[in-house]
Amino acid sequence: MNLRKADDFIADVDRQFEWYVLNADWETADRYLATVEATCALLGKHPFLGPRLKSKHPRLQDWRFFVLFRPFNKHIVFYELVADELVMRRSMHGNRDLQRRLTEPPPTEQA
């Protein structure tokens, strides 16, 4: 199965990586990225591991989610199967207002 990372997913992961660089250290940020990559690889092999997202929003009805591996297990990745492709859609901390954040456009980068 092909794996594709949507622009929103990449932006979410980049923001979290930068947060770890600024608030923890490079080693933690690198471990976070490695954990995201390991999770994506696992889902690429076993796309039905994550349960369906329970949402009434039409765009989210086919999305699934999966919690990152420890120690980043407060972060959730959201993805969907589109034909023969697994599309990673979003990634965010589980303590956020997920329904709101998943249905509104992601934050833009500030210069």
N, C-alpha and C. Protein backbone atom coordinates (compact mmCIF):
# COMPACT_ATOMS: atom_id res chain seq x y z
N MET A 1 0.85 -1.18 0.00
CA MET A 1 0.00 0.00 0.00
C MET A 1 0.90 1.24 0.00
N ASN A 2 0.55 2.19 -0.85
CA ASN A 2 1.28 3.45 -0.91
C ASN A 2 0.93 4.30 0.30
N LEU A 3 1.91 5.03 0.80
CA LEU A 3 1.72 5.93 1.93
C LEU A 3 2.01 7.35 1.47
N ARG A 4 1.08 8.25 1.74
CA ARG A 4 1.27 9.66 1.37
C ARG A 4 1.00 10.52 2.59
N LYS A 5 1.83 11.51 2.80
CA LYS A 5 1.65 12.46 3.90
C LYS A 5 1.09 13.76 3.33
N ALA A 6 -0.12 14.10 3.77
CA ALA A 6 -0.74 15.34 3.31
C ALA A 6 0.03 16.54 3.86
N ASP A 7 -0.11 17.66 3.19
CA ASP A 7 0.58 18.88 3.61
C ASP A 7 0.23 19.26 5.05
N ASP A 8 -1.04 19.11 5.44
CA ASP A 8 -1.45 19.44 6.81
C ASP A 8 -0.74 18.54 7.82
N PHE A 9 -0.60 17.27 7.48
CA PHE A 9 0.10 16.33 8.36
C PHE A 9 1.56 16.76 8.54
N ILE A 10 2.20 17.06 7.44
CA ILE A 10 3.61 17.48 7.48
C ILE A 10 3.76 18.75 8.31
N ALA A 11 2.85 19.71 8.12
CA ALA A 11 2.90 20.96 8.89
C ALA A 11 2.70 20.70 10.38
N ASP A 12 1.76 19.81 10.73
CA ASP A 12 1.53 19.47 12.14
C ASP A 12 2.77 18.86 12.77
N VAL A 13 3.38 17.92 12.07
CA VAL A 13 4.58 17.24 12.59
C VAL A 13 5.73 18.24 12.71
N ASP A 14 5.89 19.10 11.72
CA ASP A 14 6.95 20.12 11.77
C ASP A 14 6.77 21.05 12.98
N ARG A 15 5.53 21.48 13.22
CA ARG A 15 5.28 22.37 14.37
C ARG A 15 5.62 21.68 15.69
N GLN A 16 5.25 20.40 15.80
CA GLN A 16 5.54 19.68 17.04
C GLN A 16 7.04 19.45 17.19
N PHE A 17 7.72 19.15 16.10
CA PHE A 17 9.17 18.98 16.13
C PHE A 17 9.84 20.26 16.63
N GLU A 18 9.42 21.39 16.07
CA GLU A 18 9.99 22.68 16.48
C GLU A 18 9.70 22.96 17.95
N TRP A 19 8.52 22.58 18.42
CA TRP A 19 8.18 22.76 19.83
C TRP A 19 9.15 21.98 20.70
N TYR A 20 9.43 20.75 20.33
CA TYR A 20 10.37 19.93 21.11
C TYR A 20 11.78 20.52 21.07
N VAL A 21 12.19 21.05 19.93
CA VAL A 21 13.52 21.68 19.84
C VAL A 21 13.61 22.85 20.81
N LEU A 22 12.57 23.68 20.85
CA LEU A 22 12.59 24.87 21.69
C LEU A 22 12.34 24.58 23.17
N ASN A 23 11.51 23.59 23.48
CA ASN A 23 11.09 23.35 24.86
C ASN A 23 11.70 22.12 25.52
N ALA A 24 12.39 21.30 24.73
CA ALA A 24 13.08 20.13 25.28
C ALA A 24 14.50 20.17 24.75
N ASP A 25 14.79 19.37 23.74
CA ASP A 25 16.12 19.37 23.13
C ASP A 25 16.06 18.66 21.78
N TRP A 26 17.17 18.71 21.04
CA TRP A 26 17.22 18.09 19.71
C TRP A 26 17.00 16.59 19.78
N GLU A 27 17.55 15.96 20.80
CA GLU A 27 17.42 14.51 20.92
C GLU A 27 15.94 14.10 21.05
N THR A 28 15.19 14.82 21.87
CA THR A 28 13.77 14.53 22.03
C THR A 28 13.02 14.80 20.73
N ALA A 29 13.36 15.89 20.06
CA ALA A 29 12.72 16.21 18.79
C ALA A 29 12.99 15.12 17.75
N ASP A 30 14.23 14.64 17.70
CA ASP A 30 14.57 13.56 16.77
C ASP A 30 13.85 12.26 17.11
N ARG A 31 13.72 11.96 18.40
CA ARG A 31 12.99 10.75 18.81
C ARG A 31 11.51 10.88 18.43
N TYR A 32 10.96 12.09 18.56
CA TYR A 32 9.57 12.32 18.15
C TYR A 32 9.41 12.00 16.66
N LEU A 33 10.30 12.55 15.82
CA LEU A 33 10.22 12.29 14.38
C LEU A 33 10.35 10.81 14.07
N ALA A 34 11.28 10.14 14.74
CA ALA A 34 11.46 8.70 14.53
C ALA A 34 10.20 7.93 14.92
N THR A 35 9.53 8.36 15.98
CA THR A 35 8.30 7.71 16.42
C THR A 35 7.19 7.92 15.40
N VAL A 36 7.07 9.13 14.87
CA VAL A 36 6.08 9.39 13.83
C VAL A 36 6.34 8.50 12.61
N GLU A 37 7.59 8.41 12.20
CA GLU A 37 7.94 7.59 11.03
C GLU A 37 7.65 6.11 11.29
N ALA A 38 7.97 5.62 12.49
CA ALA A 38 7.70 4.21 12.83
C ALA A 38 6.20 3.93 12.83
N THR A 39 5.42 4.88 13.32
CA THR A 39 3.97 4.72 13.35
C THR A 39 3.42 4.71 11.92
N CYS A 40 3.89 5.61 11.08
CA CYS A 40 3.45 5.64 9.68
C CYS A 40 3.81 4.33 8.98
N ALA A 41 5.00 3.81 9.23
CA ALA A 41 5.41 2.55 8.61
C ALA A 41 4.51 1.39 9.05
N LEU A 42 4.19 1.35 10.34
CA LEU A 42 3.30 0.30 10.85
C LEU A 42 1.92 0.40 10.21
N LEU A 43 1.38 1.61 10.15
CA LEU A 43 0.05 1.80 9.56
C LEU A 43 0.07 1.50 8.06
N GLY A 44 1.19 1.75 7.40
CA GLY A 44 1.31 1.41 5.98
C GLY A 44 1.19 -0.08 5.75
N LYS A 45 1.65 -0.88 6.71
CA LYS A 45 1.57 -2.33 6.60
C LYS A 45 0.24 -2.88 7.13
N HIS A 46 -0.34 -2.18 8.11
CA HIS A 46 -1.57 -2.63 8.76
C HIS A 46 -2.54 -1.45 8.90
N PRO A 47 -3.13 -1.01 7.81
CA PRO A 47 -3.92 0.22 7.84
C PRO A 47 -5.21 0.15 8.66
N PHE A 48 -5.65 -1.04 9.00
CA PHE A 48 -6.90 -1.15 9.77
C PHE A 48 -6.65 -1.24 11.28
N LEU A 49 -5.42 -1.01 11.71
CA LEU A 49 -5.11 -1.04 13.15
C LEU A 49 -5.87 0.04 13.91
N GLY A 50 -5.94 1.21 13.34
CA GLY A 50 -6.60 2.32 14.02
C GLY A 50 -8.10 2.27 13.84
N PRO A 51 -8.85 2.57 14.90
CA PRO A 51 -10.31 2.59 14.78
C PRO A 51 -10.78 3.80 13.97
N ARG A 52 -12.00 3.70 13.48
CA ARG A 52 -12.60 4.84 12.77
C ARG A 52 -12.86 5.98 13.75
N LEU A 53 -12.70 7.17 13.26
CA LEU A 53 -12.99 8.37 14.03
C LEU A 53 -14.50 8.54 14.09
N LYS A 54 -15.04 8.74 15.27
CA LYS A 54 -16.49 8.93 15.40
C LYS A 54 -16.79 10.41 15.25
N SER A 55 -17.20 10.77 14.05
CA SER A 55 -17.49 12.17 13.74
C SER A 55 -18.65 12.23 12.77
N LYS A 56 -19.48 13.23 12.93
CA LYS A 56 -20.59 13.45 12.00
C LYS A 56 -20.18 14.35 10.84
N HIS A 57 -19.01 14.94 10.94
CA HIS A 57 -18.52 15.81 9.87
C HIS A 57 -18.25 14.94 8.63
N PRO A 58 -18.81 15.30 7.48
CA PRO A 58 -18.69 14.45 6.28
C PRO A 58 -17.25 14.16 5.87
N ARG A 59 -16.37 15.11 6.00
CA ARG A 59 -14.98 14.91 5.57
C ARG A 59 -14.25 13.91 6.47
N LEU A 60 -14.69 13.76 7.72
CA LEU A 60 -13.97 12.94 8.69
C LEU A 60 -14.54 11.53 8.84
N GLN A 61 -15.63 11.22 8.19
CA GLN A 61 -16.30 9.95 8.43
C GLN A 61 -15.47 8.72 8.07
N ASP A 62 -14.56 8.82 7.14
CA ASP A 62 -13.73 7.67 6.76
C ASP A 62 -12.35 7.72 7.41
N TRP A 63 -12.11 8.73 8.21
CA TRP A 63 -10.80 8.84 8.86
C TRP A 63 -10.65 7.83 9.98
N ARG A 64 -9.43 7.42 10.21
CA ARG A 64 -9.07 6.55 11.33
C ARG A 64 -8.02 7.30 12.16
N PHE A 65 -7.74 6.78 13.35
CA PHE A 65 -6.71 7.41 14.19
C PHE A 65 -5.87 6.35 14.87
N PHE A 66 -4.69 6.76 15.29
CA PHE A 66 -3.77 5.86 15.97
C PHE A 66 -2.90 6.69 16.90
N VAL A 67 -2.69 6.20 18.09
CA VAL A 67 -1.87 6.90 19.09
C VAL A 67 -0.40 6.55 18.83
N LEU A 68 0.47 7.55 18.87
CA LEU A 68 1.90 7.31 18.68
C LEU A 68 2.44 6.41 19.80
N PHE A 69 3.56 5.77 19.50
CA PHE A 69 4.22 4.92 20.47
C PHE A 69 4.79 5.75 21.62
N ARG A 70 5.01 5.11 22.74
CA ARG A 70 5.60 5.76 23.91
C ARG A 70 6.99 6.28 23.56
N PRO A 71 7.44 7.35 24.10
CA PRO A 71 6.85 8.18 25.15
C PRO A 71 5.97 9.31 24.59
N PHE A 72 5.63 9.24 23.31
CA PHE A 72 4.83 10.31 22.68
C PHE A 72 3.37 9.88 22.53
N ASN A 73 2.91 9.05 23.44
CA ASN A 73 1.58 8.46 23.32
C ASN A 73 0.44 9.40 23.71
N LYS A 74 0.72 10.68 23.81
CA LYS A 74 -0.35 11.67 23.95
C LYS A 74 -0.65 12.32 22.60
N HIS A 75 0.09 11.90 21.59
CA HIS A 75 -0.08 12.44 20.24
C HIS A 75 -0.83 11.42 19.39
N ILE A 76 -1.70 11.93 18.53
CA ILE A 76 -2.55 11.08 17.70
C ILE A 76 -2.35 11.45 16.24
N VAL A 77 -2.25 10.42 15.40
CA VAL A 77 -2.21 10.65 13.96
C VAL A 77 -3.57 10.25 13.38
N PHE A 78 -4.01 11.00 12.40
CA PHE A 78 -5.29 10.76 11.73
C PHE A 78 -5.00 10.46 10.27
N TYR A 79 -5.68 9.43 9.75
CA TYR A 79 -5.40 9.01 8.39
C TYR A 79 -6.66 8.41 7.77
N GLU A 80 -6.60 8.21 6.45
CA GLU A 80 -7.70 7.55 5.76
C GLU A 80 -7.15 6.73 4.60
N LEU A 81 -7.93 5.76 4.20
CA LEU A 81 -7.61 4.93 3.05
C LEU A 81 -8.35 5.49 1.85
N VAL A 82 -7.61 5.81 0.81
CA VAL A 82 -8.20 6.34 -0.42
C VAL A 82 -7.68 5.45 -1.55
N ALA A 83 -8.57 4.61 -2.07
CA ALA A 83 -8.21 3.62 -3.09
C ALA A 83 -7.08 2.74 -2.55
N ASP A 84 -5.93 2.73 -3.21
CA ASP A 84 -4.81 1.89 -2.76
C ASP A 84 -3.76 2.70 -2.00
N GLU A 85 -4.19 3.80 -1.41
CA GLU A 85 -3.25 4.71 -0.75
C GLU A 85 -3.67 5.00 0.68
N LEU A 86 -2.71 5.00 1.58
CA LEU A 86 -2.94 5.42 2.96
C LEU A 86 -2.48 6.88 3.04
N VAL A 87 -3.41 7.76 3.37
CA VAL A 87 -3.10 9.20 3.41
C VAL A 87 -3.08 9.66 4.86
N MET A 88 -1.91 10.08 5.32
CA MET A 88 -1.77 10.63 6.66
C MET A 88 -2.31 12.06 6.59
N ARG A 89 -3.36 12.35 7.37
CA ARG A 89 -4.05 13.64 7.25
C ARG A 89 -3.61 14.68 8.27
N ARG A 90 -3.60 14.32 9.55
CA ARG A 90 -3.27 15.29 10.60
C ARG A 90 -2.53 14.57 11.72
N SER A 91 -1.87 15.34 12.57
CA SER A 91 -1.21 14.84 13.76
C SER A 91 -1.32 15.92 14.82
N MET A 92 -1.76 15.53 16.03
CA MET A 92 -1.89 16.54 17.09
C MET A 92 -1.92 15.90 18.46
N HIS A 93 -1.71 16.72 19.45
CA HIS A 93 -1.76 16.29 20.84
C HIS A 93 -3.20 15.95 21.20
N GLY A 94 -3.39 14.87 21.92
CA GLY A 94 -4.73 14.39 22.25
C GLY A 94 -5.51 15.26 23.21
N ASN A 95 -4.86 16.19 23.89
CA ASN A 95 -5.57 17.07 24.83
C ASN A 95 -6.18 18.29 24.15
N ARG A 96 -6.10 18.36 22.85
CA ARG A 96 -6.67 19.48 22.09
C ARG A 96 -8.16 19.24 21.86
N ASP A 97 -8.86 20.27 21.41
CA ASP A 97 -10.24 20.13 20.98
C ASP A 97 -10.18 19.51 19.58
N LEU A 98 -10.13 18.20 19.53
CA LEU A 98 -9.87 17.50 18.28
C LEU A 98 -10.94 17.76 17.23
N GLN A 99 -12.20 17.70 17.61
CA GLN A 99 -13.28 17.91 16.64
C GLN A 99 -13.15 19.28 15.98
N ARG A 100 -12.92 20.30 16.78
CA ARG A 100 -12.78 21.65 16.22
C ARG A 100 -11.54 21.75 15.35
N ARG A 101 -10.43 21.24 15.84
CA ARG A 101 -9.18 21.37 15.10
C ARG A 101 -9.16 20.56 13.81
N LEU A 102 -9.89 19.45 13.80
CA LEU A 102 -9.92 18.63 12.59
C LEU A 102 -10.86 19.19 11.51
N THR A 103 -11.80 20.01 11.92
CA THR A 103 -12.76 20.54 10.95
C THR A 103 -12.44 21.96 10.49
N GLU A 104 -11.51 22.61 11.15
CA GLU A 104 -11.12 23.96 10.70
C GLU A 104 -9.76 23.87 10.02
N PRO A 105 -9.43 24.84 9.20
CA PRO A 105 -8.12 24.84 8.54
C PRO A 105 -6.99 24.90 9.56
N PRO A 106 -5.87 24.24 9.29
CA PRO A 106 -4.74 24.29 10.22
C PRO A 106 -4.17 25.69 10.30
N PRO A 107 -3.47 26.00 11.40
CA PRO A 107 -2.87 27.33 11.53
C PRO A 107 -1.83 27.57 10.44
N THR A 108 -1.69 28.82 10.04
CA THR A 108 -0.70 29.17 9.02
C THR A 108 0.59 29.54 9.70
N GLU A 109 1.66 29.42 8.96
CA GLU A 109 2.97 29.79 9.47
C GLU A 109 3.09 31.31 9.51
N GLN A 110 3.69 31.80 10.58
CA GLN A 110 3.88 33.25 10.69
C GLN A 110 5.33 33.57 10.36
N ALA A 111 5.53 34.60 9.58
CA ALA A 111 6.88 34.99 9.18
C ALA A 111 7.56 35.78 10.25
